[in-house]
Amino acid sequence: MSFSQIIEGSVNNALNLQETLFKTRIAVCRNGCPLLKIHSIFGELCNESLYLNPITGETSEVGKIGFYRGCGCVLGSKTRVPEAHCPAKKW
């Protein structure tokens, strides 16, 4: 995500904007995505310490062919930016 998208997502999250987009995307994350990580302060994050093969659902702590690394983004914000995308290409 670009810096401007991070700001956009943060504002949208604080003001509950793009709620429909958020609900659609976060449902994908919450529906068993192994990259979803709960942080005590930031809430739901995309785990940047894991790689995911979106076809098999397999995870790895090291990069492999066909695996995508979690981005580390705060999902409450990222999922509210129309131009943003899931690093594992789930949305």
C-alpha atoms as a PDB file:
ATOM      1  CA  MET A   1       0.000   0.000   0.000  1.00  0.00           C
ATOM      2  CA  SER A   2       1.144   3.514  -0.689  1.00  0.00           C
ATOM      3  CA  PHE A   3       1.377   6.113   2.072  1.00  0.00           C
ATOM      4  CA  SER A   4      -1.716   7.875   0.735  1.00  0.00           C
ATOM      5  CA  GLN A   5      -3.659   4.582   0.829  1.00  0.00           C
ATOM      6  CA  ILE A   6      -2.577   4.013   4.438  1.00  0.00           C
ATOM      7  CA  ILE A   7      -3.923   7.467   5.339  1.00  0.00           C
ATOM      8  CA  GLU A   8      -7.117   6.845   3.346  1.00  0.00           C
ATOM      9  CA  GLY A   9      -7.656   3.495   5.045  1.00  0.00           C
ATOM     10  CA  SER A  10      -7.000   4.927   8.499  1.00  0.00           C
ATOM     11  CA  VAL A  11      -9.488   7.751   7.946  1.00  0.00           C
ATOM     12  CA  ASN A  12     -12.066   5.370   6.472  1.00  0.00           C
ATOM     13  CA  ASN A  13     -11.601   3.054   9.456  1.00  0.00           C
ATOM     14  CA  ALA A  14     -11.913   5.853  12.029  1.00  0.00           C
ATOM     15  CA  LEU A  15     -15.068   7.195  10.351  1.00  0.00           C
ATOM     16  CA  ASN A  16     -16.535   3.776   9.449  1.00  0.00           C
ATOM     17  CA  LEU A  17     -16.483   4.614   5.740  1.00  0.00           C
ATOM     18  CA  GLN A  18     -16.483   1.958   2.991  1.00  0.00           C
ATOM     19  CA  GLU A  19     -18.364  -0.333   5.400  1.00  0.00           C
ATOM     20  CA  THR A  20     -19.756  -2.645   2.704  1.00  0.00           C
ATOM     21  CA  LEU A  21     -16.316  -3.118   1.157  1.00  0.00           C
ATOM     22  CA  PHE A  22     -14.854  -3.742   4.623  1.00  0.00           C
ATOM     23  CA  LYS A  23     -17.472  -6.361   5.524  1.00  0.00           C
ATOM     24  CA  THR A  24     -17.024  -8.228   2.243  1.00  0.00           C
ATOM     25  CA  ARG A  25     -13.242  -8.324   2.445  1.00  0.00           C
ATOM     26  CA  ILE A  26     -12.821  -8.943   6.178  1.00  0.00           C
ATOM     27  CA  ALA A  27     -15.219 -11.898   5.903  1.00  0.00           C
ATOM     28  CA  VAL A  28     -12.699 -13.546   3.561  1.00  0.00           C
ATOM     29  CA  CYS A  29      -9.915 -12.966   6.084  1.00  0.00           C
ATOM     30  CA  ARG A  30     -11.982 -14.151   9.032  1.00  0.00           C
ATOM     31  CA  ASN A  31     -13.169 -17.237   7.189  1.00  0.00           C
ATOM     32  CA  GLY A  32     -10.074 -19.256   8.020  1.00  0.00           C
ATOM     33  CA  CYS A  33      -7.247 -17.323   6.375  1.00  0.00           C
ATOM     34  CA  PRO A  34      -4.072 -18.470   8.147  1.00  0.00           C
ATOM     35  CA  LEU A  35      -2.483 -15.063   7.576  1.00  0.00           C
ATOM     36  CA  LEU A  36      -4.997 -13.425   9.929  1.00  0.00           C
ATOM     37  CA  LYS A  37      -3.283 -12.435  13.157  1.00  0.00           C
ATOM     38  CA  ILE A  38      -4.855 -10.736  16.168  1.00  0.00           C
ATOM     39  CA  HIS A  39      -2.741  -8.025  17.765  1.00  0.00           C
ATOM     40  CA  SER A  40      -3.594  -6.717  21.229  1.00  0.00           C
ATOM     41  CA  ILE A  41      -3.340  -3.066  20.151  1.00  0.00           C
ATOM     42  CA  PHE A  42      -3.918  -2.945  16.392  1.00  0.00           C
ATOM     43  CA  GLY A  43      -6.544  -5.675  16.103  1.00  0.00           C
ATOM     44  CA  GLU A  44      -6.650  -7.820  12.973  1.00  0.00           C
ATOM     45  CA  LEU A  45      -3.441  -7.838  10.948  1.00  0.00           C
ATOM     46  CA  CYS A  46      -2.153  -9.668   7.903  1.00  0.00           C
ATOM     47  CA  ASN A  47       0.735 -11.711   9.345  1.00  0.00           C
ATOM     48  CA  GLU A  48       3.954 -10.591   7.671  1.00  0.00           C
ATOM     49  CA  SER A  49       5.850 -13.510   9.249  1.00  0.00           C
ATOM     50  CA  LEU A  50       4.014 -16.115   7.164  1.00  0.00           C
ATOM     51  CA  TYR A  51       3.781 -17.059   3.514  1.00  0.00           C
ATOM     52  CA  LEU A  52       0.601 -18.625   2.115  1.00  0.00           C
ATOM     53  CA  ASN A  53      -0.097 -20.783  -0.886  1.00  0.00           C
ATOM     54  CA  PRO A  54      -3.667 -19.647  -1.682  1.00  0.00           C
ATOM     55  CA  ILE A  55      -4.386 -22.783  -3.719  1.00  0.00           C
ATOM     56  CA  THR A  56      -3.435 -25.369  -1.093  1.00  0.00           C
ATOM     57  CA  GLY A  57      -3.827 -23.253   2.060  1.00  0.00           C
ATOM     58  CA  GLU A  58      -0.340 -24.328   3.152  1.00  0.00           C
ATOM     59  CA  THR A  59       1.740 -21.815   5.108  1.00  0.00           C
ATOM     60  CA  SER A  60       5.467 -21.454   5.461  1.00  0.00           C
ATOM     61  CA  GLU A  61       7.857 -19.298   7.445  1.00  0.00           C
ATOM     62  CA  VAL A  62      10.104 -19.013   4.383  1.00  0.00           C
ATOM     63  CA  GLY A  63       9.298 -17.918   0.857  1.00  0.00           C
ATOM     64  CA  LYS A  64       8.518 -20.611  -1.695  1.00  0.00           C
ATOM     65  CA  ILE A  65       7.288 -20.665  -5.281  1.00  0.00           C
ATOM     66  CA  GLY A  66       3.531 -20.096  -5.354  1.00  0.00           C
ATOM     67  CA  PHE A  67       3.463 -18.611  -1.838  1.00  0.00           C
ATOM     68  CA  TYR A  68       2.607 -15.001  -0.998  1.00  0.00           C
ATOM     69  CA  ARG A  69       3.878 -13.175   2.073  1.00  0.00           C
ATOM     70  CA  GLY A  70       1.448 -11.476   4.432  1.00  0.00           C
ATOM     71  CA  CYS A  71       1.734  -7.705   4.214  1.00  0.00           C
ATOM     72  CA  GLY A  72       1.551  -6.736   7.894  1.00  0.00           C
ATOM     73  CA  CYS A  73      -1.269  -4.255   7.300  1.00  0.00           C
ATOM     74  CA  VAL A  74      -4.012  -3.367   9.760  1.00  0.00           C
ATOM     75  CA  LEU A  75      -6.960  -5.050   8.089  1.00  0.00           C
ATOM     76  CA  GLY A  76      -9.590  -2.716   9.550  1.00  0.00           C
ATOM     77  CA  SER A  77      -7.974   0.006   7.441  1.00  0.00           C
ATOM     78  CA  LYS A  78      -6.645  -1.843   4.388  1.00  0.00           C
ATOM     79  CA  THR A  79      -9.945  -3.555   3.641  1.00  0.00           C
ATOM     80  CA  ARG A  80     -11.623  -0.136   3.325  1.00  0.00           C
ATOM     81  CA  VAL A  81      -9.419   1.084   0.455  1.00  0.00           C
ATOM     82  CA  PRO A  82     -10.913   0.162  -2.931  1.00  0.00           C
ATOM     83  CA  GLU A  83      -7.496   0.137  -4.666  1.00  0.00           C
ATOM     84  CA  ALA A  84      -5.881  -2.115  -2.017  1.00  0.00           C
ATOM     85  CA  HIS A  85      -5.602  -5.853  -2.528  1.00  0.00           C
ATOM     86  CA  CYS A  86      -4.853  -8.991  -0.548  1.00  0.00           C
ATOM     87  CA  PRO A  87      -1.246 -10.146  -0.998  1.00  0.00           C
ATOM     88  CA  ALA A  88      -2.522 -13.731  -1.419  1.00  0.00           C
ATOM     89  CA  LYS A  89      -4.954 -12.521  -4.091  1.00  0.00           C
ATOM     90  CA  LYS A  90      -8.061 -13.504  -2.075  1.00  0.00           C
ATOM     91  CA  TRP A  91      -9.710 -10.112  -2.731  1.00  0.00           C
END
